[in-house]
Amino acid sequence: MALQDELTKIQTDTLAQIAAVQDLSGLNDIRVQVLGKKGALTGVLRGMKDLTPEERPKVGSFANTVRDALTAAIEDRHAALAAAALQAKLAKETIDVTLPGRPIHRGTEHVLDQVMDEVEQLFMGMGYQVVDGPEVETEHYNFEMLNVPKDHPARDMQDTFYITPDVLLRSQTSPVQARTLEKHDFSKGPLKMISPGRVYRRDTDDATHSHQFHQVEGLVIDKHITMADLKGTLEVLAKHIFGADRKIRLRPSYFPFTEPSVEIDVSWGQTAGSDDVTSKDNGWVEVLGAGMVHPNVLKSAGVDADVYGGFAFGLGPDRFAMLKYGIEDIRNFYLNDQRFLTQFEQED
């Protein structure tokens, strides 16, 4: 039974090697050297062809026992070494969770977005819809639909950037109103909308002017709309943005798309609840323009001006933010200076 003795020796030596190995790579080498296709155990079993028929079953059974024992020993050692390796890795990468973490600074909405959101939320609460539109616009919607035909002197006030002779960067968000008015079905109710967004004009940048800025324009069209409705709406707006003690006044003005047209002033530097004036500007600050929609604007959109009427207004979130927060230079909004922007962080 020389083969059986060889198998016993292989088992004894291999078990000793398995017990002594200290890493998974070495353990795998032992498995290949003993149990692999060219391993020691396979080499011994090739000698079974020289055994008698009576010896082969006994040696074969013993060989299977040895193989099973070595396989089990390797698996157990593998599990032990893997667990030890994991523990070593965890010990090396231990994190002291009692240490304070690195704070992550959360950003906030830009101050202009905050003001625009405040305006939008107010008007949505009054039943208005918020409508967006293209910043690259046609002359037809930017001017002609708003009662500003070619060569009209009012175009000088809104000189903008042209891409082609008929396509330009919009100088106001009023084209959104024209597009919406053109499509609105008045059989389903009145049109109440605001259109916020960026606008562009060929202007020289300074403390109070910019070649790009923001507007929020409003439009209400229905039967029996009056100037009283406009004034009441803008009183709510002024008190909501600037304070409940604010008053407004309407001054005659001119806009080609409204008739009559007015400038809206808000009381400023006055003692609350009185008419005492304490500011150098006689206690009033101009904040926006408005008026009753010109019949020609309604006719251009296919609306019967004898049946329907309404009001329109346009405000500048940049100007509102400057007044509300005492900002003296409009360019601060666009310089991305963290020292400026972090002053307007919102609390959760």
Protein backbone atom coordinates (compact mmCIF):
# COMPACT_ATOMS: atom_id res chain seq x y z
CA MET A 1 0.00 0.00 0.00
CA ALA A 2 2.78 2.39 -0.96
CA LEU A 3 0.21 4.74 -2.59
CA GLN A 4 -1.82 4.94 0.59
CA ASP A 5 1.32 5.86 2.55
CA GLU A 6 2.11 8.59 0.02
CA LEU A 7 -1.43 9.95 0.35
CA THR A 8 -1.12 10.01 4.13
CA LYS A 9 2.17 11.91 3.89
CA ILE A 10 0.66 14.43 1.44
CA GLN A 11 -2.24 15.00 3.82
CA THR A 12 0.01 15.48 6.84
CA ASP A 13 2.45 17.82 5.09
CA THR A 14 -0.27 19.85 3.40
CA LEU A 15 -2.27 20.33 6.61
CA ALA A 16 0.90 21.65 8.25
CA GLN A 17 1.47 24.06 5.36
CA ILE A 18 -2.12 25.23 5.48
CA ALA A 19 -1.87 25.94 9.19
CA ALA A 20 1.36 27.90 8.71
CA VAL A 21 0.40 30.04 5.69
CA GLN A 22 -0.32 33.70 6.52
CA ASP A 23 -1.93 35.15 3.39
CA LEU A 24 -4.48 34.24 0.77
CA SER A 25 -1.94 34.24 -2.05
CA GLY A 26 0.18 31.61 -0.32
CA LEU A 27 -2.89 29.53 0.45
CA ASN A 28 -3.86 29.52 -3.21
CA ASP A 29 -0.36 28.36 -4.16
CA ILE A 30 -0.74 25.38 -1.77
CA ARG A 31 -4.12 24.49 -3.31
CA VAL A 32 -2.68 24.49 -6.83
CA GLN A 33 0.44 22.51 -5.82
CA VAL A 34 -1.57 19.78 -4.09
CA LEU A 35 -5.07 19.68 -5.61
CA GLY A 36 -4.43 21.15 -9.07
CA LYS A 37 -4.37 19.16 -12.31
CA LYS A 38 -0.60 18.84 -12.02
CA GLY A 39 -0.61 18.73 -8.23
CA ALA A 40 0.94 16.17 -5.88
CA LEU A 41 -2.33 14.37 -5.18
CA THR A 42 -3.12 13.95 -8.85
CA GLY A 43 0.38 12.62 -9.47
CA VAL A 44 0.01 9.94 -6.84
CA LEU A 45 -3.37 8.86 -8.15
CA ARG A 46 -1.89 8.19 -11.58
CA GLY A 47 -0.15 5.21 -9.99
CA MET A 48 -3.51 3.50 -9.33
CA LYS A 49 -3.26 1.83 -12.73
CA ASP A 50 -0.59 -0.46 -11.28
CA LEU A 51 -2.81 -1.63 -8.38
CA THR A 52 -4.71 -4.91 -8.30
CA PRO A 53 -8.45 -4.82 -8.76
CA GLU A 54 -8.89 -5.54 -5.06
CA GLU A 55 -6.66 -2.57 -3.98
CA ARG A 56 -8.08 0.09 -6.29
CA PRO A 57 -11.40 0.67 -4.45
CA LYS A 58 -9.67 0.98 -1.10
CA VAL A 59 -7.02 3.42 -2.34
CA GLY A 60 -9.58 5.39 -4.36
CA SER A 61 -11.83 5.77 -1.33
CA PHE A 62 -8.90 6.85 0.83
CA ALA A 63 -7.76 9.34 -1.85
CA ASN A 64 -11.24 10.91 -1.86
CA THR A 65 -11.10 11.18 1.92
CA VAL A 66 -7.73 12.93 1.74
CA ARG A 67 -8.95 15.29 -1.02
CA ASP A 68 -12.08 16.20 0.98
CA ALA A 69 -10.06 16.80 4.14
CA LEU A 70 -7.58 19.06 2.37
CA THR A 71 -10.34 20.95 0.55
CA ALA A 72 -12.18 21.58 3.81
CA ALA A 73 -8.95 22.68 5.54
CA ILE A 74 -8.18 25.12 2.70
CA GLU A 75 -11.69 26.59 2.82
CA ASP A 76 -11.55 27.03 6.58
CA ARG A 77 -8.13 28.66 6.38
CA HIS A 78 -9.31 30.88 3.53
CA ALA A 79 -12.22 32.12 5.63
CA ALA A 80 -9.92 32.81 8.58
CA LEU A 81 -7.35 34.67 6.50
CA ALA A 82 -10.04 36.72 4.71
CA ALA A 83 -11.57 37.75 8.03
CA ALA A 84 -8.12 38.68 9.35
CA ALA A 85 -7.40 40.74 6.22
CA LEU A 86 -10.71 42.57 6.59
CA GLN A 87 -10.03 43.36 10.23
CA ALA A 88 -6.57 44.66 9.35
CA LYS A 89 -8.03 46.89 6.63
CA LEU A 90 -10.72 48.22 8.97
CA ALA A 91 -8.13 48.94 11.63
CA LYS A 92 -5.96 50.79 9.13
CA GLU A 93 -8.89 52.83 7.77
CA THR A 94 -10.60 53.55 11.05
CA ILE A 95 -12.42 56.89 11.14
CA ASP A 96 -12.88 58.71 14.39
CA VAL A 97 -16.56 59.52 14.15
CA THR A 98 -16.33 61.74 17.22
CA LEU A 99 -14.38 64.34 15.23
CA PRO A 100 -16.44 67.18 13.73
CA GLY A 101 -17.09 66.78 10.00
CA ARG A 102 -16.05 69.25 7.37
CA PRO A 103 -18.91 71.71 6.97
CA ILE A 104 -20.48 71.98 3.50
CA HIS A 105 -21.49 75.52 2.68
CA ARG A 106 -24.94 75.58 1.15
CA GLY A 107 -25.61 78.17 -1.48
CA THR A 108 -28.77 80.18 -1.84
CA GLU A 109 -30.82 81.73 -4.60
CA HIS A 110 -29.41 84.85 -6.18
CA VAL A 111 -30.98 87.98 -4.73
CA LEU A 112 -32.63 88.78 -8.09
CA ASP A 113 -34.18 85.31 -8.20
CA GLN A 114 -35.42 85.84 -4.66
CA VAL A 115 -37.17 89.07 -5.63
CA MET A 116 -38.62 87.54 -8.80
CA ASP A 117 -39.87 84.51 -6.85
CA GLU A 118 -41.49 86.83 -4.31
CA VAL A 119 -43.29 88.70 -7.08
CA GLU A 120 -44.33 85.47 -8.81
CA GLN A 121 -45.69 83.95 -5.61
CA LEU A 122 -47.74 87.07 -4.92
CA PHE A 123 -49.37 87.12 -8.35
CA MET A 124 -49.94 83.39 -8.49
CA GLY A 125 -51.84 83.82 -5.23
CA MET A 126 -54.04 86.35 -7.05
CA GLY A 127 -54.81 83.88 -9.83
CA TYR A 128 -52.22 84.94 -12.40
CA GLN A 129 -50.35 82.48 -14.57
CA VAL A 130 -46.58 82.75 -15.05
CA VAL A 131 -45.65 82.55 -18.74
CA ASP A 132 -42.15 82.26 -20.22
CA GLY A 133 -41.13 83.18 -23.74
CA PRO A 134 -38.12 83.36 -26.08
CA GLU A 135 -35.33 85.85 -25.44
CA VAL A 136 -34.51 85.87 -29.16
CA GLU A 137 -37.55 87.55 -30.66
CA THR A 138 -38.86 88.96 -33.92
CA GLU A 139 -39.52 92.63 -34.57
CA HIS A 140 -43.14 91.70 -35.15
CA TYR A 141 -43.74 90.62 -31.55
CA ASN A 142 -41.20 92.88 -29.86
CA PHE A 143 -42.46 96.07 -31.49
CA GLU A 144 -45.23 95.90 -34.07
CA MET A 145 -47.68 93.84 -31.99
CA LEU A 146 -47.18 96.41 -29.22
CA ASN A 147 -48.24 99.42 -31.29
CA VAL A 148 -44.66 100.39 -32.15
CA PRO A 149 -44.43 100.28 -35.96
CA LYS A 150 -41.22 100.72 -37.91
CA ASP A 151 -39.69 104.21 -37.66
CA HIS A 152 -41.75 104.96 -34.54
CA PRO A 153 -39.68 107.27 -32.27
CA ALA A 154 -40.49 105.06 -29.25
CA ARG A 155 -38.05 102.50 -30.63
CA ASP A 156 -35.20 104.81 -29.69
CA MET A 157 -36.04 104.20 -26.02
CA GLN A 158 -35.63 100.47 -26.50
CA ASP A 159 -32.67 100.19 -28.83
CA THR A 160 -31.54 96.58 -28.58
CA PHE A 161 -29.18 94.03 -30.14
CA TYR A 162 -30.11 92.80 -33.62
CA ILE A 163 -29.17 89.36 -34.93
CA THR A 164 -30.71 89.98 -38.36
CA PRO A 165 -32.72 92.98 -39.59
CA ASP A 166 -35.89 91.26 -38.31
CA VAL A 167 -34.59 89.17 -35.36
CA LEU A 168 -33.31 90.65 -32.12
CA LEU A 169 -32.75 90.13 -28.42
CA ARG A 170 -36.01 91.18 -26.81
CA SER A 171 -35.98 94.61 -25.19
CA GLN A 172 -38.87 93.75 -22.87
CA THR A 173 -40.94 90.73 -21.87
CA SER A 174 -44.04 92.26 -23.49
CA PRO A 175 -43.70 89.98 -26.56
CA VAL A 176 -44.67 87.09 -24.29
CA GLN A 177 -47.89 88.96 -23.52
CA ALA A 178 -48.55 89.54 -27.22
CA ARG A 179 -48.04 85.87 -28.02
CA THR A 180 -50.27 84.77 -25.13
CA LEU A 181 -52.97 87.31 -25.92
CA GLU A 182 -53.01 86.11 -29.53
CA LYS A 183 -53.75 82.53 -28.45
CA HIS A 184 -56.04 83.12 -25.45
CA ASP A 185 -59.61 81.83 -25.62
CA PHE A 186 -61.74 84.42 -23.81
CA SER A 187 -64.75 82.12 -23.86
CA LYS A 188 -62.94 80.22 -21.09
CA GLY A 189 -62.33 83.28 -18.93
CA PRO A 190 -60.14 86.38 -18.60
CA LEU A 191 -56.40 86.52 -19.22
CA LYS A 192 -54.31 87.21 -16.10
CA MET A 193 -50.59 86.68 -16.55
CA ILE A 194 -47.10 87.82 -15.67
CA SER A 195 -44.03 87.24 -17.82
CA PRO A 196 -40.67 87.34 -15.98
CA GLY A 197 -37.28 87.09 -17.68
CA ARG A 198 -34.10 88.70 -19.00
CA VAL A 199 -34.22 91.55 -21.47
CA TYR A 200 -31.54 93.41 -23.43
CA ARG A 201 -30.94 96.98 -24.51
CA ARG A 202 -27.93 98.67 -26.06
CA ASP A 203 -27.10 100.74 -23.01
CA THR A 204 -23.91 101.92 -21.35
CA ASP A 205 -23.25 100.01 -18.13
CA ASP A 206 -23.01 102.18 -15.04
CA ALA A 207 -24.32 102.16 -11.47
CA THR A 208 -27.98 102.25 -12.56
CA HIS A 209 -27.91 100.90 -16.15
CA SER A 210 -27.02 97.56 -17.70
CA HIS A 211 -27.12 96.16 -21.22
CA GLN A 212 -29.05 93.20 -19.75
CA PHE A 213 -31.47 93.21 -16.85
CA HIS A 214 -34.72 91.60 -15.75
CA GLN A 215 -38.37 92.45 -16.10
CA VAL A 216 -41.66 91.14 -14.80
CA GLU A 217 -44.54 92.37 -16.90
CA GLY A 218 -48.19 91.83 -16.04
CA LEU A 219 -51.31 91.79 -18.18
CA VAL A 220 -55.02 91.50 -17.32
CA ILE A 221 -57.64 91.44 -20.10
CA ASP A 222 -61.36 91.02 -19.47
CA LYS A 223 -64.60 92.92 -19.72
CA HIS A 224 -65.07 95.99 -17.49
CA ILE A 225 -61.45 96.31 -16.29
CA THR A 226 -60.72 99.84 -15.01
CA MET A 227 -57.83 101.97 -13.79
CA ALA A 228 -59.09 101.29 -10.26
CA ASP A 229 -58.29 97.61 -10.75
CA LEU A 230 -54.76 98.54 -11.83
CA LYS A 231 -54.22 100.83 -8.86
CA GLY A 232 -55.52 98.28 -6.38
CA THR A 233 -53.26 95.57 -7.82
CA LEU A 234 -50.17 97.76 -7.67
CA GLU A 235 -50.96 98.88 -4.11
CA VAL A 236 -50.92 95.22 -3.07
CA LEU A 237 -47.61 94.74 -4.89
CA ALA A 238 -45.94 97.78 -3.28
CA LYS A 239 -47.04 96.88 0.23
CA HIS A 240 -45.96 93.25 -0.23
CA ILE A 241 -42.46 94.08 -1.50
CA PHE A 242 -41.61 97.32 0.30
CA GLY A 243 -43.72 97.26 3.46
CA ALA A 244 -47.31 97.56 4.61
CA ASP A 245 -46.93 101.29 5.34
CA ARG A 246 -46.12 102.20 1.73
CA LYS A 247 -48.38 104.32 -0.42
CA ILE A 248 -48.43 104.67 -4.18
CA ARG A 249 -49.28 107.49 -6.52
CA LEU A 250 -49.94 107.51 -10.27
CA ARG A 251 -48.41 110.17 -12.54
CA PRO A 252 -49.36 110.66 -16.20
CA SER A 253 -46.80 109.28 -18.62
CA TYR A 254 -46.50 107.82 -22.10
CA PHE A 255 -46.01 104.29 -23.41
CA PRO A 256 -47.02 103.33 -26.95
CA PHE A 257 -48.77 100.14 -25.81
CA THR A 258 -50.99 101.71 -23.10
CA GLU A 259 -53.43 104.62 -23.10
CA PRO A 260 -53.71 106.26 -20.66
CA SER A 261 -50.22 105.51 -19.30
CA VAL A 262 -48.87 106.17 -15.81
CA GLU A 263 -45.66 106.03 -13.80
CA ILE A 264 -46.05 104.45 -10.36
CA ASP A 265 -44.26 106.06 -7.42
CA VAL A 266 -43.93 104.51 -3.97
CA SER A 267 -43.73 106.59 -0.81
CA TRP A 268 -40.15 106.72 0.43
CA GLY A 269 -38.64 108.47 3.42
CA GLN A 270 -42.02 109.43 4.84
CA THR A 271 -43.22 108.86 8.35
CA ALA A 272 -45.54 105.87 8.33
CA GLY A 273 -49.18 106.85 8.28
CA SER A 274 -48.59 110.51 7.45
CA ASP A 275 -47.75 112.73 4.51
CA ASP A 276 -44.61 114.15 6.09
CA VAL A 277 -41.77 114.19 3.60
CA THR A 278 -38.23 113.62 4.85
CA SER A 279 -36.33 112.64 1.69
CA LYS A 280 -34.66 114.85 -0.89
CA ASP A 281 -36.89 113.30 -3.58
CA ASN A 282 -40.04 114.69 -1.99
CA GLY A 283 -40.77 111.33 -0.41
CA TRP A 284 -41.55 109.40 -3.59
CA VAL A 285 -39.56 106.94 -5.71
CA GLU A 286 -40.53 105.82 -9.20
CA VAL A 287 -40.73 102.02 -9.33
CA LEU A 288 -42.60 100.96 -12.49
CA GLY A 289 -44.70 101.91 -15.47
CA ALA A 290 -48.25 100.86 -16.26
CA GLY A 291 -51.47 101.82 -18.01
CA MET A 292 -54.62 100.64 -19.72
CA VAL A 293 -53.89 98.43 -22.73
CA HIS A 294 -54.02 100.40 -25.97
CA PRO A 295 -56.86 99.31 -28.29
CA ASN A 296 -54.38 98.84 -31.13
CA VAL A 297 -52.57 96.16 -29.09
CA LEU A 298 -55.83 94.28 -28.62
CA LYS A 299 -56.72 94.58 -32.31
CA SER A 300 -53.27 93.31 -33.35
CA ALA A 301 -53.92 90.15 -31.34
CA GLY A 302 -57.39 89.70 -32.83
CA VAL A 303 -59.26 90.78 -29.65
CA ASP A 304 -62.40 92.92 -29.93
CA ALA A 305 -61.33 96.21 -28.30
CA ASP A 306 -64.97 97.30 -28.03
CA VAL A 307 -65.74 94.37 -25.72
CA TYR A 308 -62.49 93.70 -23.89
CA GLY A 309 -60.01 95.93 -22.16
CA GLY A 310 -57.43 95.67 -19.45
CA PHE A 311 -54.27 96.92 -17.86
CA ALA A 312 -50.58 96.18 -18.16
CA PHE A 313 -47.57 96.97 -16.01
CA GLY A 314 -43.86 96.35 -16.08
CA LEU A 315 -41.42 96.31 -13.20
CA GLY A 316 -37.68 95.72 -12.90
CA PRO A 317 -36.62 93.15 -10.28
CA ASP A 318 -33.14 94.71 -10.39
CA ARG A 319 -34.56 98.09 -9.37
CA PHE A 320 -36.87 96.51 -6.79
CA ALA A 321 -33.91 94.70 -5.20
CA MET A 322 -31.79 97.87 -5.20
CA LEU A 323 -34.54 99.80 -3.43
CA LYS A 324 -35.50 97.03 -1.03
CA TYR A 325 -31.95 96.27 0.11
CA GLY A 326 -30.27 99.65 -0.38
CA ILE A 327 -27.97 98.49 -3.18
CA GLU A 328 -26.30 101.40 -4.94
CA ASP A 329 -24.72 99.74 -7.98
CA ILE A 330 -26.63 97.41 -10.33
CA ARG A 331 -23.35 95.85 -11.46
CA ASN A 332 -23.03 94.09 -8.11
CA PHE A 333 -25.75 91.68 -9.24
CA TYR A 334 -23.58 90.36 -12.07
CA LEU A 335 -20.03 90.28 -10.66
CA ASN A 336 -20.46 86.98 -8.72
CA ASP A 337 -18.72 88.51 -5.71
CA GLN A 338 -19.36 86.11 -2.81
CA ARG A 339 -18.92 88.92 -0.30
CA PHE A 340 -21.94 90.61 -1.85
CA LEU A 341 -24.12 87.59 -2.64
CA THR A 342 -23.81 85.93 0.79
CA GLN A 343 -25.47 88.96 2.38
CA PHE A 344 -28.76 87.69 0.96
CA GLU A 345 -28.68 84.09 2.14
CA GLN A 346 -32.11 82.75 3.00
CA GLU A 347 -32.84 80.88 6.20
CA ASP A 348 -34.37 77.40 5.94
